Amino acid sequence: MLTVTFNRDSRNRLSSIFASGHVEIEETSSDEYSLVCAAVSAILQAARLGLEAYAKVDVGARQSSGDLRMRLPEGARDDDAVKAIVATAELSVEQIARQYPAHVVVTRGNEIG
């Protein structure tokens, strides 16, 4: 199971994204499910790249196998480019979660501060 959490701050701005887990694939299953995991990973990696290279925002990304954490600095959360990048990532991951609810879960949280 792959879980992606989109957290918002007290002003309802996206403040962080956490993804953890893998889509478990039975040996008899098709490659469809490995593509699900790869698709979510690609979306989040593209968002990270867009934030860091295009919007010039240091998201303090921490990444290891099955785990990605990005936190948006408070001063960048109102930037139109930042909002567009993270909103697109959120919509895209939500769509995949709707198509594959047994494999991808989107959660939301609130951060203090």
C-alpha atoms as a PDB file:
ATOM      1  CA  MET A   1       0.000   0.000   0.000  1.00  0.00           C
ATOM      2  CA  LEU A   2       1.242   3.447  -0.936  1.00  0.00           C
ATOM      3  CA  THR A   3       0.082   6.321   1.267  1.00  0.00           C
ATOM      4  CA  VAL A   4       0.483   9.949   0.242  1.00  0.00           C
ATOM      5  CA  THR A   5      -0.316  12.648   2.797  1.00  0.00           C
ATOM      6  CA  PHE A   6      -0.894  16.266   1.855  1.00  0.00           C
ATOM      7  CA  ASN A   7      -0.664  18.538   4.895  1.00  0.00           C
ATOM      8  CA  ARG A   8      -1.949  22.082   5.132  1.00  0.00           C
ATOM      9  CA  ASP A   9      -1.013  24.884   7.490  1.00  0.00           C
ATOM     10  CA  SER A  10      -3.335  27.047   9.580  1.00  0.00           C
ATOM     11  CA  ARG A  11      -4.038  29.214   6.491  1.00  0.00           C
ATOM     12  CA  ASN A  12      -5.054  26.127   4.464  1.00  0.00           C
ATOM     13  CA  ARG A  13      -1.933  26.309   2.283  1.00  0.00           C
ATOM     14  CA  LEU A  14      -0.219  23.079   1.308  1.00  0.00           C
ATOM     15  CA  SER A  15       2.752  22.830   3.650  1.00  0.00           C
ATOM     16  CA  SER A  16       4.184  19.340   3.180  1.00  0.00           C
ATOM     17  CA  ILE A  17       3.861  16.117   1.246  1.00  0.00           C
ATOM     18  CA  PHE A  18       4.764  12.726   2.660  1.00  0.00           C
ATOM     19  CA  ALA A  19       4.689   9.490   0.671  1.00  0.00           C
ATOM     20  CA  SER A  20       5.478   6.084   2.078  1.00  0.00           C
ATOM     21  CA  GLY A  21       5.111   2.460   1.125  1.00  0.00           C
ATOM     22  CA  HIS A  22       5.042   0.469  -2.053  1.00  0.00           C
ATOM     23  CA  VAL A  23       2.333  -1.085  -4.143  1.00  0.00           C
ATOM     24  CA  GLU A  24       2.625  -4.756  -3.237  1.00  0.00           C
ATOM     25  CA  ILE A  25       2.610  -6.929  -6.313  1.00  0.00           C
ATOM     26  CA  GLU A  26       1.743 -10.596  -6.328  1.00  0.00           C
ATOM     27  CA  GLU A  27       3.983 -12.641  -8.575  1.00  0.00           C
ATOM     28  CA  THR A  28       0.956 -13.605 -10.652  1.00  0.00           C
ATOM     29  CA  SER A  29      -0.275 -10.035 -11.120  1.00  0.00           C
ATOM     30  CA  SER A  30       0.234  -7.911 -14.167  1.00  0.00           C
ATOM     31  CA  ASP A  31       2.702  -5.093 -14.411  1.00  0.00           C
ATOM     32  CA  GLU A  32      -0.268  -2.729 -14.060  1.00  0.00           C
ATOM     33  CA  TYR A  33       0.296  -2.379 -10.328  1.00  0.00           C
ATOM     34  CA  SER A  34       4.017  -1.700 -10.610  1.00  0.00           C
ATOM     35  CA  LEU A  35       3.040   1.069 -13.022  1.00  0.00           C
ATOM     36  CA  VAL A  36       0.728   2.519 -10.355  1.00  0.00           C
ATOM     37  CA  CYS A  37       3.632   2.889  -7.939  1.00  0.00           C
ATOM     38  CA  ALA A  38       5.872   4.269 -10.681  1.00  0.00           C
ATOM     39  CA  ALA A  39       3.202   6.779 -11.736  1.00  0.00           C
ATOM     40  CA  VAL A  40       2.793   8.201  -8.231  1.00  0.00           C
ATOM     41  CA  SER A  41       6.551   8.320  -7.813  1.00  0.00           C
ATOM     42  CA  ALA A  42       6.975  10.123 -11.135  1.00  0.00           C
ATOM     43  CA  ILE A  43       4.319  12.697 -10.225  1.00  0.00           C
ATOM     44  CA  LEU A  44       5.935  13.454  -6.881  1.00  0.00           C
ATOM     45  CA  GLN A  45       9.440  13.542  -8.370  1.00  0.00           C
ATOM     46  CA  ALA A  46       8.222  15.929 -11.077  1.00  0.00           C
ATOM     47  CA  ALA A  47       6.676  18.151  -8.408  1.00  0.00           C
ATOM     48  CA  ARG A  48       9.941  18.137  -6.475  1.00  0.00           C
ATOM     49  CA  LEU A  49      11.919  19.007  -9.587  1.00  0.00           C
ATOM     50  CA  GLY A  50       9.486  21.779 -10.517  1.00  0.00           C
ATOM     51  CA  LEU A  51       9.626  23.248  -7.041  1.00  0.00           C
ATOM     52  CA  GLU A  52      13.412  23.104  -6.787  1.00  0.00           C
ATOM     53  CA  ALA A  53      14.454  23.913 -10.376  1.00  0.00           C
ATOM     54  CA  TYR A  54      11.624  26.111 -11.651  1.00  0.00           C
ATOM     55  CA  ALA A  55      10.212  27.791  -8.542  1.00  0.00           C
ATOM     56  CA  LYS A  56      13.646  27.830  -6.830  1.00  0.00           C
ATOM     57  CA  VAL A  57      12.218  26.505  -3.553  1.00  0.00           C
ATOM     58  CA  ASP A  58      14.269  24.320  -1.231  1.00  0.00           C
ATOM     59  CA  VAL A  59      11.742  21.722  -0.095  1.00  0.00           C
ATOM     60  CA  GLY A  60      14.223  20.025   2.213  1.00  0.00           C
ATOM     61  CA  ALA A  61      13.431  16.743   0.500  1.00  0.00           C
ATOM     62  CA  ARG A  62      14.349  13.541   2.254  1.00  0.00           C
ATOM     63  CA  GLN A  63      14.145  10.413   0.191  1.00  0.00           C
ATOM     64  CA  SER A  64      14.865   6.739   0.640  1.00  0.00           C
ATOM     65  CA  SER A  65      13.355   3.556  -0.757  1.00  0.00           C
ATOM     66  CA  GLY A  66       9.604   3.783  -0.279  1.00  0.00           C
ATOM     67  CA  ASP A  67       9.729   7.166   1.449  1.00  0.00           C
ATOM     68  CA  LEU A  68       9.643  10.771   0.231  1.00  0.00           C
ATOM     69  CA  ARG A  69       9.192  13.845   2.410  1.00  0.00           C
ATOM     70  CA  MET A  70       8.944  17.417   1.185  1.00  0.00           C
ATOM     71  CA  ARG A  71       8.196  20.497   3.254  1.00  0.00           C
ATOM     72  CA  LEU A  72       7.400  23.867   1.696  1.00  0.00           C
ATOM     73  CA  PRO A  73       8.964  26.867   3.413  1.00  0.00           C
ATOM     74  CA  GLU A  74       6.277  29.164   4.786  1.00  0.00           C
ATOM     75  CA  GLY A  75       7.450  32.060   2.626  1.00  0.00           C
ATOM     76  CA  ALA A  76       6.969  30.055  -0.589  1.00  0.00           C
ATOM     77  CA  ARG A  77       3.439  28.778   0.064  1.00  0.00           C
ATOM     78  CA  ASP A  78       1.686  31.787  -1.513  1.00  0.00           C
ATOM     79  CA  ASP A  79       3.793  31.777  -4.690  1.00  0.00           C
ATOM     80  CA  ASP A  80       1.588  31.093  -7.726  1.00  0.00           C
ATOM     81  CA  ALA A  81       4.100  28.704  -9.323  1.00  0.00           C
ATOM     82  CA  VAL A  82       4.424  26.736  -6.095  1.00  0.00           C
ATOM     83  CA  LYS A  83       0.649  26.522  -5.693  1.00  0.00           C
ATOM     84  CA  ALA A  84       0.229  25.339  -9.296  1.00  0.00           C
ATOM     85  CA  ILE A  85       2.911  22.664  -8.989  1.00  0.00           C
ATOM     86  CA  VAL A  86       1.654  21.190  -5.727  1.00  0.00           C
ATOM     87  CA  ALA A  87      -2.025  21.431  -6.687  1.00  0.00           C
ATOM     88  CA  THR A  88      -1.324  19.556  -9.919  1.00  0.00           C
ATOM     89  CA  ALA A  89       0.573  16.860  -8.026  1.00  0.00           C
ATOM     90  CA  GLU A  90      -2.263  16.553  -5.510  1.00  0.00           C
ATOM     91  CA  LEU A  91      -4.933  16.260  -8.225  1.00  0.00           C
ATOM     92  CA  SER A  92      -2.880  13.704 -10.138  1.00  0.00           C
ATOM     93  CA  VAL A  93      -2.213  11.490  -7.135  1.00  0.00           C
ATOM     94  CA  GLU A  94      -5.887  11.734  -6.104  1.00  0.00           C
ATOM     95  CA  GLN A  95      -6.929  10.505  -9.554  1.00  0.00           C
ATOM     96  CA  ILE A  96      -4.651   7.483  -9.317  1.00  0.00           C
ATOM     97  CA  ALA A  97      -5.931   6.753  -5.795  1.00  0.00           C
ATOM     98  CA  ARG A  98      -9.523   6.802  -7.100  1.00  0.00           C
ATOM     99  CA  GLN A  99      -8.601   4.348  -9.846  1.00  0.00           C
ATOM    100  CA  TYR A 100      -6.591   2.033  -7.568  1.00  0.00           C
ATOM    101  CA  PRO A 101      -8.034   2.417  -4.045  1.00  0.00           C
ATOM    102  CA  ALA A 102      -6.643  -0.924  -2.882  1.00  0.00           C
ATOM    103  CA  HIS A 103      -3.114   0.247  -3.670  1.00  0.00           C
ATOM    104  CA  VAL A 104      -2.939   4.029  -3.184  1.00  0.00           C
ATOM    105  CA  VAL A 105      -4.431   6.072  -0.343  1.00  0.00           C
ATOM    106  CA  VAL A 106      -4.434   9.855  -0.129  1.00  0.00           C
ATOM    107  CA  THR A 107      -4.735  11.368   3.326  1.00  0.00           C
ATOM    108  CA  ARG A 108      -4.834  14.933   4.512  1.00  0.00           C
ATOM    109  CA  GLY A 109      -3.543  16.507   7.658  1.00  0.00           C
ATOM    110  CA  ASN A 110      -3.121  19.829   9.349  1.00  0.00           C
ATOM    111  CA  GLU A 111       0.116  21.227  10.653  1.00  0.00           C
ATOM    112  CA  ILE A 112       0.401  23.734  13.421  1.00  0.00           C
ATOM    113  CA  GLY A 113       2.339  26.800  12.415  1.00  0.00           C
END
